[in-house]
PDB file of N, CA and C in Angstrom:
ATOM      1  N   MET A   1      -0.160 -50.920 -56.573  1.00  0.00           N
ATOM      2  CA  MET A   1      -1.461 -51.355 -57.110  1.00  0.00           C
ATOM      3  C   MET A   1      -2.557 -50.648 -56.226  1.00  0.00           C
ATOM      4  N   SER A   2      -3.584 -50.236 -56.872  1.00  0.00           N
ATOM      5  CA  SER A   2      -4.647 -49.461 -56.211  1.00  0.00           C
ATOM      6  C   SER A   2      -5.608 -50.531 -55.477  1.00  0.00           C
ATOM      7  N   LYS A   3      -6.311 -50.059 -54.597  1.00  0.00           N
ATOM      8  CA  LYS A   3      -7.225 -50.917 -53.832  1.00  0.00           C
ATOM      9  C   LYS A   3      -8.354 -51.470 -54.739  1.00  0.00           C
ATOM     10  N   LEU A   4      -8.920 -52.581 -54.405  1.00  0.00           N
ATOM     11  CA  LEU A   4      -9.999 -53.249 -55.108  1.00  0.00           C
ATOM     12  C   LEU A   4     -11.303 -52.863 -54.421  1.00  0.00           C
ATOM     13  N   THR A   5     -12.244 -52.405 -55.138  1.00  0.00           N
ATOM     14  CA  THR A   5     -13.574 -52.052 -54.606  1.00  0.00           C
ATOM     15  C   THR A   5     -14.525 -53.078 -55.114  1.00  0.00           C
ATOM     16  N   LEU A   6     -15.382 -53.497 -54.240  1.00  0.00           N
ATOM     17  CA  LEU A   6     -16.461 -54.493 -54.614  1.00  0.00           C
ATOM     18  C   LEU A   6     -17.782 -53.923 -54.212  1.00  0.00           C
ATOM     19  N   ILE A   7     -18.697 -54.179 -55.105  1.00  0.00           N
ATOM     20  CA  ILE A   7     -20.168 -53.904 -54.782  1.00  0.00           C
ATOM     21  C   ILE A   7     -20.911 -55.287 -54.867  1.00  0.00           C
ATOM     22  N   ALA A   8     -21.322 -55.758 -53.733  1.00  0.00           N
ATOM     23  CA  ALA A   8     -22.056 -57.030 -53.768  1.00  0.00           C
ATOM     24  C   ALA A   8     -23.588 -56.764 -53.480  1.00  0.00           C
ATOM     25  N   ARG A   9     -24.376 -57.231 -54.379  1.00  0.00           N
ATOM     26  CA  ARG A   9     -25.790 -57.058 -54.235  1.00  0.00           C
ATOM     27  C   ARG A   9     -26.417 -58.409 -53.954  1.00  0.00           C
ATOM     28  N   ILE A  10     -27.144 -58.436 -52.880  1.00  0.00           N
ATOM     29  CA  ILE A  10     -27.801 -59.684 -52.402  1.00  0.00           C
ATOM     30  C   ILE A  10     -29.339 -59.436 -52.324  1.00  0.00           C
ATOM     31  N   PHE A  11     -30.074 -60.136 -53.219  1.00  0.00           N
ATOM     32  CA  PHE A  11     -31.587 -60.031 -53.285  1.00  0.00           C
ATOM     33  C   PHE A  11     -32.154 -61.160 -52.556  1.00  0.00           C
ATOM     34  N   ALA A  12     -32.675 -60.936 -51.358  1.00  0.00           N
ATOM     35  CA  ALA A  12     -33.263 -61.935 -50.556  1.00  0.00           C
ATOM     36  C   ALA A  12     -34.715 -62.323 -51.053  1.00  0.00           C
ATOM     37  N   LYS A  13     -35.017 -63.593 -50.906  1.00  0.00           N
ATOM     38  CA  LYS A  13     -36.456 -63.919 -51.165  1.00  0.00           C
ATOM     39  C   LYS A  13     -37.259 -63.287 -50.026  1.00  0.00           C
ATOM     40  N   GLU A  14     -38.381 -62.748 -50.399  1.00  0.00           N
ATOM     41  CA  GLU A  14     -39.131 -61.900 -49.418  1.00  0.00           C
ATOM     42  C   GLU A  14     -39.324 -62.624 -48.138  1.00  0.00           C
ATOM     43  N   GLU A  15     -39.756 -63.844 -48.127  1.00  0.00           N
ATOM     44  CA  GLU A  15     -39.986 -64.591 -46.847  1.00  0.00           C
ATOM     45  C   GLU A  15     -38.682 -64.920 -46.111  1.00  0.00           C
ATOM     46  N   LYS A  16     -37.573 -64.721 -46.713  1.00  0.00           N
ATOM     47  CA  LYS A  16     -36.262 -65.067 -46.091  1.00  0.00           C
ATOM     48  C   LYS A  16     -35.451 -63.761 -45.774  1.00  0.00           C
ATOM     49  N   ARG A  17     -36.086 -62.577 -45.953  1.00  0.00           N
ATOM     50  CA  ARG A  17     -35.360 -61.336 -45.701  1.00  0.00           C
ATOM     51  C   ARG A  17     -34.730 -61.207 -44.445  1.00  0.00           C
ATOM     52  N   GLU A  18     -35.372 -61.529 -43.297  1.00  0.00           N
ATOM     53  CA  GLU A  18     -34.795 -61.423 -41.995  1.00  0.00           C
ATOM     54  C   GLU A  18     -33.658 -62.343 -41.715  1.00  0.00           C
ATOM     55  N   LEU A  19     -33.837 -63.528 -42.280  1.00  0.00           N
ATOM     56  CA  LEU A  19     -32.741 -64.507 -42.210  1.00  0.00           C
ATOM     57  C   LEU A  19     -31.463 -64.019 -42.882  1.00  0.00           C
ATOM     58  N   ILE A  20     -31.638 -63.547 -44.134  1.00  0.00           N
ATOM     59  CA  ILE A  20     -30.511 -62.996 -44.856  1.00  0.00           C
ATOM     60  C   ILE A  20     -29.884 -61.830 -44.093  1.00  0.00           C
ATOM     61  N   LYS A  21     -30.696 -60.962 -43.673  1.00  0.00           N
ATOM     62  CA  LYS A  21     -30.179 -59.674 -42.973  1.00  0.00           C
ATOM     63  C   LYS A  21     -29.426 -60.198 -41.804  1.00  0.00           C
ATOM     64  N   SER A  22     -29.909 -60.992 -40.951  1.00  0.00           N
ATOM     65  CA  SER A  22     -29.212 -61.368 -39.726  1.00  0.00           C
ATOM     66  C   SER A  22     -27.820 -62.149 -40.057  1.00  0.00           C
ATOM     67  N   GLU A  23     -27.927 -62.962 -41.134  1.00  0.00           N
ATOM     68  CA  GLU A  23     -26.591 -63.688 -41.494  1.00  0.00           C
ATOM     69  C   GLU A  23     -25.593 -62.755 -42.061  1.00  0.00           C
ATOM     70  N   LEU A  24     -26.103 -61.717 -42.897  1.00  0.00           N
ATOM     71  CA  LEU A  24     -25.142 -60.707 -43.389  1.00  0.00           C
ATOM     72  C   LEU A  24     -24.476 -59.880 -42.225  1.00  0.00           C
ATOM     73  N   ILE A  25     -25.215 -59.548 -41.261  1.00  0.00           N
ATOM     74  CA  ILE A  25     -24.781 -58.715 -40.237  1.00  0.00           C
ATOM     75  C   ILE A  25     -23.653 -59.570 -39.497  1.00  0.00           C
ATOM     76  N   LYS A  26     -23.864 -60.954 -39.392  1.00  0.00           N
ATOM     77  CA  LYS A  26     -22.783 -61.767 -38.706  1.00  0.00           C
ATOM     78  C   LYS A  26     -21.480 -61.665 -39.458  1.00  0.00           C
ATOM     79  N   LEU A  27     -21.451 -61.334 -40.663  1.00  0.00           N
ATOM     80  CA  LEU A  27     -20.240 -61.366 -41.468  1.00  0.00           C
ATOM     81  C   LEU A  27     -19.338 -60.139 -41.230  1.00  0.00           C
ATOM     82  N   ILE A  28     -19.979 -59.048 -40.760  1.00  0.00           N
ATOM     83  CA  ILE A  28     -19.313 -57.794 -40.641  1.00  0.00           C
ATOM     84  C   ILE A  28     -18.101 -57.755 -39.635  1.00  0.00           C
ATOM     85  N   ALA A  29     -18.298 -58.154 -38.407  1.00  0.00           N
ATOM     86  CA  ALA A  29     -17.117 -58.113 -37.504  1.00  0.00           C
ATOM     87  C   ALA A  29     -15.990 -58.959 -37.885  1.00  0.00           C
ATOM     88  N   PRO A  30     -16.230 -60.209 -38.209  1.00  0.00           N
ATOM     89  CA  PRO A  30     -15.042 -61.033 -38.516  1.00  0.00           C
ATOM     90  C   PRO A  30     -14.300 -60.576 -39.926  1.00  0.00           C
ATOM     91  N   THR A  31     -15.139 -60.053 -40.722  1.00  0.00           N
ATOM     92  CA  THR A  31     -14.507 -59.605 -41.998  1.00  0.00           C
ATOM     93  C   THR A  31     -13.683 -58.343 -41.781  1.00  0.00           C
ATOM     94  N   ARG A  32     -14.141 -57.455 -41.012  1.00  0.00           N
ATOM     95  CA  ARG A  32     -13.433 -56.188 -40.790  1.00  0.00           C
ATOM     96  C   ARG A  32     -12.095 -56.379 -40.085  1.00  0.00           C
ATOM     97  N   LYS A  33     -11.911 -57.605 -39.414  1.00  0.00           N
ATOM     98  CA  LYS A  33     -10.648 -57.927 -38.807  1.00  0.00           C
ATOM     99  C   LYS A  33      -9.681 -58.638 -39.657  1.00  0.00           C
ATOM    100  N   GLU A  34     -10.120 -58.971 -40.918  1.00  0.00           N
ATOM    101  CA  GLU A  34      -9.244 -59.790 -41.797  1.00  0.00           C
ATOM    102  C   GLU A  34      -8.165 -58.871 -42.377  1.00  0.00           C
ATOM    103  N   GLU A  35      -7.003 -59.515 -42.681  1.00  0.00           N
ATOM    104  CA  GLU A  35      -5.954 -58.800 -43.276  1.00  0.00           C
ATOM    105  C   GLU A  35      -6.431 -58.315 -44.690  1.00  0.00           C
ATOM    106  N   GLY A  36      -6.074 -57.076 -44.950  1.00  0.00           N
ATOM    107  CA  GLY A  36      -6.438 -56.523 -46.295  1.00  0.00           C
ATOM    108  C   GLY A  36      -7.823 -55.819 -46.463  1.00  0.00           C
ATOM    109  N   CYS A  37      -8.731 -56.050 -45.401  1.00  0.00           N
ATOM    110  CA  CYS A  37     -10.004 -55.360 -45.474  1.00  0.00           C
ATOM    111  C   CYS A  37      -9.885 -53.822 -45.065  1.00  0.00           C
ATOM    112  N   ILE A  38     -10.188 -53.052 -46.004  1.00  0.00           N
ATOM    113  CA  ILE A  38     -10.187 -51.546 -45.752  1.00  0.00           C
ATOM    114  C   ILE A  38     -11.506 -51.142 -45.159  1.00  0.00           C
ATOM    115  N   ASN A  39     -12.621 -51.547 -45.778  1.00  0.00           N
ATOM    116  CA  ASN A  39     -13.898 -51.342 -45.287  1.00  0.00           C
ATOM    117  C   ASN A  39     -14.757 -52.356 -45.797  1.00  0.00           C
ATOM    118  N   TYR A  40     -15.791 -52.625 -45.030  1.00  0.00           N
ATOM    119  CA  TYR A  40     -16.896 -53.696 -45.357  1.00  0.00           C
ATOM    120  C   TYR A  40     -18.209 -53.161 -44.705  1.00  0.00           C
ATOM    121  N   ASP A  41     -18.929 -52.446 -45.574  1.00  0.00           N
ATOM    122  CA  ASP A  41     -20.103 -51.768 -45.120  1.00  0.00           C
ATOM    123  C   ASP A  41     -21.353 -52.273 -45.743  1.00  0.00           C
ATOM    124  N   LEU A  42     -22.321 -52.756 -44.896  1.00  0.00           N
ATOM    125  CA  LEU A  42     -23.625 -53.267 -45.385  1.00  0.00           C
ATOM    126  C   LEU A  42     -24.698 -52.178 -45.380  1.00  0.00           C
ATOM    127  N   HIS A  43     -25.448 -52.270 -46.467  1.00  0.00           N
ATOM    128  CA  HIS A  43     -26.608 -51.327 -46.594  1.00  0.00           C
ATOM    129  C   HIS A  43     -27.778 -52.131 -46.954  1.00  0.00           C
ATOM    130  N   GLN A  44     -29.104 -51.564 -46.629  1.00  0.00           N
ATOM    131  CA  GLN A  44     -30.286 -52.124 -47.032  1.00  0.00           C
ATOM    132  C   GLN A  44     -31.049 -51.064 -47.802  1.00  0.00           C
ATOM    133  N   ASP A  45     -31.494 -51.425 -49.079  1.00  0.00           N
ATOM    134  CA  ASP A  45     -32.223 -50.464 -49.887  1.00  0.00           C
ATOM    135  C   ASP A  45     -33.433 -49.901 -49.209  1.00  0.00           C
ATOM    136  N   SER A  46     -33.614 -48.590 -49.255  1.00  0.00           N
ATOM    137  CA  SER A  46     -34.689 -47.866 -48.581  1.00  0.00           C
ATOM    138  C   SER A  46     -36.083 -48.170 -49.291  1.00  0.00           C
ATOM    139  N   GLU A  47     -36.055 -48.483 -50.646  1.00  0.00           N
ATOM    140  CA  GLU A  47     -37.240 -48.714 -51.332  1.00  0.00           C
ATOM    141  C   GLU A  47     -37.581 -50.188 -51.569  1.00  0.00           C
ATOM    142  N   ASN A  48     -36.563 -51.024 -51.540  1.00  0.00           N
ATOM    143  CA  ASN A  48     -36.740 -52.423 -51.749  1.00  0.00           C
ATOM    144  C   ASN A  48     -36.027 -53.135 -50.541  1.00  0.00           C
ATOM    145  N   PRO A  49     -36.664 -53.460 -49.428  1.00  0.00           N
ATOM    146  CA  PRO A  49     -36.012 -54.037 -48.273  1.00  0.00           C
ATOM    147  C   PRO A  49     -35.427 -55.380 -48.496  1.00  0.00           C
ATOM    148  N   ASN A  50     -35.744 -56.008 -49.563  1.00  0.00           N
ATOM    149  CA  ASN A  50     -35.162 -57.449 -49.942  1.00  0.00           C
ATOM    150  C   ASN A  50     -33.788 -57.240 -50.540  1.00  0.00           C
ATOM    151  N   LEU A  51     -33.313 -56.022 -50.803  1.00  0.00           N
ATOM    152  CA  LEU A  51     -32.019 -55.811 -51.424  1.00  0.00           C
ATOM    153  C   LEU A  51     -31.055 -55.322 -50.435  1.00  0.00           C
ATOM    154  N   PHE A  52     -29.923 -56.023 -50.325  1.00  0.00           N
ATOM    155  CA  PHE A  52     -28.749 -55.708 -49.409  1.00  0.00           C
ATOM    156  C   PHE A  52     -27.514 -55.480 -50.298  1.00  0.00           C
ATOM    157  N   VAL A  53     -26.697 -54.395 -49.927  1.00  0.00           N
ATOM    158  CA  VAL A  53     -25.540 -54.179 -50.722  1.00  0.00           C
ATOM    159  C   VAL A  53     -24.444 -53.971 -49.732  1.00  0.00           C
ATOM    160  N   PHE A  54     -23.309 -54.740 -50.083  1.00  0.00           N
ATOM    161  CA  PHE A  54     -22.076 -54.510 -49.383  1.00  0.00           C
ATOM    162  C   PHE A  54     -21.246 -53.640 -50.302  1.00  0.00           C
ATOM    163  N   HIS A  55     -20.641 -52.551 -49.699  1.00  0.00           N
ATOM    164  CA  HIS A  55     -19.580 -51.781 -50.354  1.00  0.00           C
ATOM    165  C   HIS A  55     -18.324 -52.133 -49.661  1.00  0.00           C
ATOM    166  N   GLU A  56     -17.304 -52.745 -50.340  1.00  0.00           N
ATOM    167  CA  GLU A  56     -16.129 -53.260 -49.688  1.00  0.00           C
ATOM    168  C   GLU A  56     -14.922 -52.614 -50.435  1.00  0.00           C
ATOM    169  N   ASN A  57     -13.845 -52.502 -49.686  1.00  0.00           N
ATOM    170  CA  ASN A  57     -12.535 -52.153 -50.353  1.00  0.00           C
ATOM    171  C   ASN A  57     -11.501 -53.021 -49.719  1.00  0.00           C
ATOM    172  N   TRP A  58     -10.634 -53.580 -50.596  1.00  0.00           N
ATOM    173  CA  TRP A  58      -9.640 -54.537 -50.149  1.00  0.00           C
ATOM    174  C   TRP A  58      -8.258 -54.066 -50.698  1.00  0.00           C
ATOM    175  N   GLU A  59      -7.189 -54.425 -49.905  1.00  0.00           N
ATOM    176  CA  GLU A  59      -5.873 -54.011 -50.424  1.00  0.00           C
ATOM    177  C   GLU A  59      -5.468 -54.749 -51.700  1.00  0.00           C
ATOM    178  N   SER A  60      -5.905 -56.002 -51.882  1.00  0.00           N
ATOM    179  CA  SER A  60      -5.474 -56.787 -53.056  1.00  0.00           C
ATOM    180  C   SER A  60      -6.554 -57.821 -53.403  1.00  0.00           C
ATOM    181  N   LYS A  61      -6.393 -58.262 -54.616  1.00  0.00           N
ATOM    182  CA  LYS A  61      -7.291 -59.430 -55.113  1.00  0.00           C
ATOM    183  C   LYS A  61      -6.951 -60.661 -54.397  1.00  0.00           C
ATOM    184  N   ALA A  62      -5.724 -60.933 -53.967  1.00  0.00           N
ATOM    185  CA  ALA A  62      -5.370 -62.148 -53.226  1.00  0.00           C
ATOM    186  C   ALA A  62      -5.952 -62.124 -51.916  1.00  0.00           C
ATOM    187  N   LEU A  63      -6.021 -60.948 -51.147  1.00  0.00           N
ATOM    188  CA  LEU A  63      -6.580 -60.857 -49.883  1.00  0.00           C
ATOM    189  C   LEU A  63      -8.088 -61.011 -49.860  1.00  0.00           C
ATOM    190  N   LEU A  64      -8.732 -60.468 -50.979  1.00  0.00           N
ATOM    191  CA  LEU A  64     -10.050 -60.638 -51.162  1.00  0.00           C
ATOM    192  C   LEU A  64     -10.464 -62.128 -51.366  1.00  0.00           C
ATOM    193  N   GLU A  65      -9.638 -62.901 -52.156  1.00  0.00           N
ATOM    194  CA  GLU A  65      -9.863 -64.266 -52.390  1.00  0.00           C
ATOM    195  C   GLU A  65      -9.726 -65.095 -51.079  1.00  0.00           C
ATOM    196  N   LYS A  66      -8.740 -64.651 -50.278  1.00  0.00           N
ATOM    197  CA  LYS A  66      -8.645 -65.297 -48.931  1.00  0.00           C
ATOM    198  C   LYS A  66      -9.949 -65.074 -48.050  1.00  0.00           C
ATOM    199  N   HIS A  67     -10.506 -63.929 -48.188  1.00  0.00           N
ATOM    200  CA  HIS A  67     -11.839 -63.605 -47.461  1.00  0.00           C
ATOM    201  C   HIS A  67     -12.906 -64.526 -48.015  1.00  0.00           C
ATOM    202  N   LEU A  68     -12.983 -64.671 -49.318  1.00  0.00           N
ATOM    203  CA  LEU A  68     -14.035 -65.402 -50.005  1.00  0.00           C
ATOM    204  C   LEU A  68     -13.923 -66.889 -49.591  1.00  0.00           C
ATOM    205  N   ALA A  69     -12.763 -67.374 -49.199  1.00  0.00           N
ATOM    206  CA  ALA A  69     -12.538 -68.757 -48.779  1.00  0.00           C
ATOM    207  C   ALA A  69     -12.612 -68.958 -47.273  1.00  0.00           C
ATOM    208  N   SER A  70     -12.972 -67.942 -46.578  1.00  0.00           N
ATOM    209  CA  SER A  70     -12.997 -67.968 -45.099  1.00  0.00           C
ATOM    210  C   SER A  70     -14.084 -68.832 -44.582  1.00  0.00           C
ATOM    211  N   ALA A  71     -13.932 -69.256 -43.324  1.00  0.00           N
ATOM    212  CA  ALA A  71     -14.991 -70.110 -42.659  1.00  0.00           C
ATOM    213  C   ALA A  71     -16.290 -69.329 -42.498  1.00  0.00           C
ATOM    214  N   HIS A  72     -16.180 -68.029 -42.137  1.00  0.00           N
ATOM    215  CA  HIS A  72     -17.403 -67.297 -41.907  1.00  0.00           C
ATOM    216  C   HIS A  72     -18.270 -67.114 -43.283  1.00  0.00           C
ATOM    217  N   ILE A  73     -17.621 -67.033 -44.389  1.00  0.00           N
ATOM    218  CA  ILE A  73     -18.291 -66.896 -45.659  1.00  0.00           C
ATOM    219  C   ILE A  73     -18.955 -68.357 -45.954  1.00  0.00           C
ATOM    220  N   ALA A  74     -18.187 -69.385 -45.600  1.00  0.00           N
ATOM    221  CA  ALA A  74     -18.734 -70.731 -45.840  1.00  0.00           C
ATOM    222  C   ALA A  74     -20.004 -70.910 -44.949  1.00  0.00           C
ATOM    223  N   GLU A  75     -19.936 -70.484 -43.648  1.00  0.00           N
ATOM    224  CA  GLU A  75     -21.009 -70.636 -42.722  1.00  0.00           C
ATOM    225  C   GLU A  75     -22.190 -69.765 -43.323  1.00  0.00           C
ATOM    226  N   TYR A  76     -21.998 -68.607 -43.834  1.00  0.00           N
ATOM    227  CA  TYR A  76     -23.127 -67.826 -44.372  1.00  0.00           C
ATOM    228  C   TYR A  76     -23.757 -68.498 -45.559  1.00  0.00           C
ATOM    229  N   MET A  77     -22.947 -69.051 -46.492  1.00  0.00           N
ATOM    230  CA  MET A  77     -23.446 -69.758 -47.622  1.00  0.00           C
ATOM    231  C   MET A  77     -24.322 -70.948 -47.133  1.00  0.00           C
ATOM    232  N   LYS A  78     -23.912 -71.656 -46.134  1.00  0.00           N
ATOM    233  CA  LYS A  78     -24.680 -72.860 -45.716  1.00  0.00           C
ATOM    234  C   LYS A  78     -25.989 -72.355 -45.088  1.00  0.00           C
ATOM    235  N   ALA A  79     -25.953 -71.387 -44.223  1.00  0.00           N
ATOM    236  CA  ALA A  79     -27.025 -70.850 -43.528  1.00  0.00           C
ATOM    237  C   ALA A  79     -28.119 -70.214 -44.391  1.00  0.00           C
ATOM    238  N   THR A  80     -27.688 -69.759 -45.581  1.00  0.00           N
ATOM    239  CA  THR A  80     -28.620 -68.975 -46.474  1.00  0.00           C
ATOM    240  C   THR A  80     -28.990 -69.732 -47.674  1.00  0.00           C
ATOM    241  N   GLU A  81     -28.582 -70.997 -47.828  1.00  0.00           N
ATOM    242  CA  GLU A  81     -28.900 -71.840 -48.989  1.00  0.00           C
ATOM    243  C   GLU A  81     -30.334 -71.812 -49.287  1.00  0.00           C
ATOM    244  N   GLY A  82     -30.661 -71.397 -50.533  1.00  0.00           N
ATOM    245  CA  GLY A  82     -32.048 -71.334 -51.005  1.00  0.00           C
ATOM    246  C   GLY A  82     -32.778 -70.050 -50.591  1.00  0.00           C
ATOM    247  N   ALA A  83     -32.199 -69.154 -49.897  1.00  0.00           N
ATOM    248  CA  ALA A  83     -32.910 -67.944 -49.413  1.00  0.00           C
ATOM    249  C   ALA A  83     -32.527 -66.759 -50.248  1.00  0.00           C
ATOM    250  N   VAL A  84     -31.622 -66.825 -51.130  1.00  0.00           N
ATOM    251  CA  VAL A  84     -31.229 -65.763 -51.958  1.00  0.00           C
ATOM    252  C   VAL A  84     -31.858 -65.835 -53.309  1.00  0.00           C
ATOM    253  N   GLU A  85     -32.542 -64.747 -53.776  1.00  0.00           N
ATOM    254  CA  GLU A  85     -33.141 -64.725 -55.072  1.00  0.00           C
ATOM    255  C   GLU A  85     -32.107 -64.556 -56.162  1.00  0.00           C
ATOM    256  N   LYS A  86     -31.245 -63.565 -55.864  1.00  0.00           N
ATOM    257  CA  LYS A  86     -30.184 -63.254 -56.834  1.00  0.00           C
ATOM    258  C   LYS A  86     -28.980 -62.670 -56.161  1.00  0.00           C
ATOM    259  N   PHE A  87     -27.767 -62.865 -56.671  1.00  0.00           N
ATOM    260  CA  PHE A  87     -26.484 -62.303 -56.158  1.00  0.00           C
ATOM    261  C   PHE A  87     -25.647 -61.745 -57.278  1.00  0.00           C
ATOM    262  N   THR A  88     -25.292 -60.546 -57.170  1.00  0.00           N
ATOM    263  CA  THR A  88     -24.264 -60.051 -58.145  1.00  0.00           C
ATOM    264  C   THR A  88     -23.031 -59.453 -57.459  1.00  0.00           C
ATOM    265  N   LEU A  89     -21.967 -59.553 -58.101  1.00  0.00           N
ATOM    266  CA  LEU A  89     -20.682 -59.028 -57.549  1.00  0.00           C
ATOM    267  C   LEU A  89     -19.963 -58.252 -58.624  1.00  0.00           C
ATOM    268  N   GLN A  90     -19.683 -56.961 -58.375  1.00  0.00           N
ATOM    269  CA  GLN A  90     -18.945 -56.119 -59.240  1.00  0.00           C
ATOM    270  C   GLN A  90     -17.602 -55.722 -58.664  1.00  0.00           C
ATOM    271  N   GLU A  91     -16.573 -56.029 -59.462  1.00  0.00           N
ATOM    272  CA  GLU A  91     -15.229 -55.570 -59.063  1.00  0.00           C
ATOM    273  C   GLU A  91     -14.947 -54.265 -59.740  1.00  0.00           C
ATOM    274  N   MET A  92     -14.567 -53.240 -58.967  1.00  0.00           N
ATOM    275  CA  MET A  92     -14.381 -51.884 -59.516  1.00  0.00           C
ATOM    276  C   MET A  92     -12.973 -51.329 -59.081  1.00  0.00           C
ATOM    277  N   THR A  93     -12.603 -50.369 -59.980  1.00  0.00           N
ATOM    278  CA  THR A  93     -11.354 -49.663 -59.675  1.00  0.00           C
ATOM    279  C   THR A  93     -11.733 -48.248 -59.562  1.00  0.00           C
ATOM    280  N   GLN A  94     -11.292 -47.585 -58.469  1.00  0.00           N
ATOM    281  CA  GLN A  94     -11.553 -46.174 -58.290  1.00  0.00           C
ATOM    282  C   GLN A  94     -10.595 -45.351 -59.280  1.00  0.00           C
ATOM    283  N   ILE A  95     -11.321 -44.393 -59.913  1.00  0.00           N
ATOM    284  CA  ILE A  95     -10.646 -43.559 -60.918  1.00  0.00           C
ATOM    285  C   ILE A  95     -10.636 -42.085 -60.577  1.00  0.00           C
ATOM    286  N   GLY A  96     -11.305 -41.743 -59.449  1.00  0.00           N
ATOM    287  CA  GLY A  96     -11.324 -40.269 -59.152  1.00  0.00           C
ATOM    288  C   GLY A  96     -11.565 -40.096 -57.685  1.00  0.00           C
TER     289      GLY A  96
END
């Protein structure tokens, strides 16, 4: 089975941008240590600083689901409650 690629877009409320940014950065180190994590890279849009994008690759859907159920994701969700304007998640398969 091929790796699973995710594009997660997090749109922060303008007044909560720095909170969201700091909480997202906290996710990087523990996630990169997780079983099945190939890469977990955070980006901030150059033209819209309220938009953050994670580009992620996982060995399997099951290991991704384990990540989504992790304590650090739960802590992020609690810390940022009400601070996110919009969140989208795209699961993708590499074809070339």
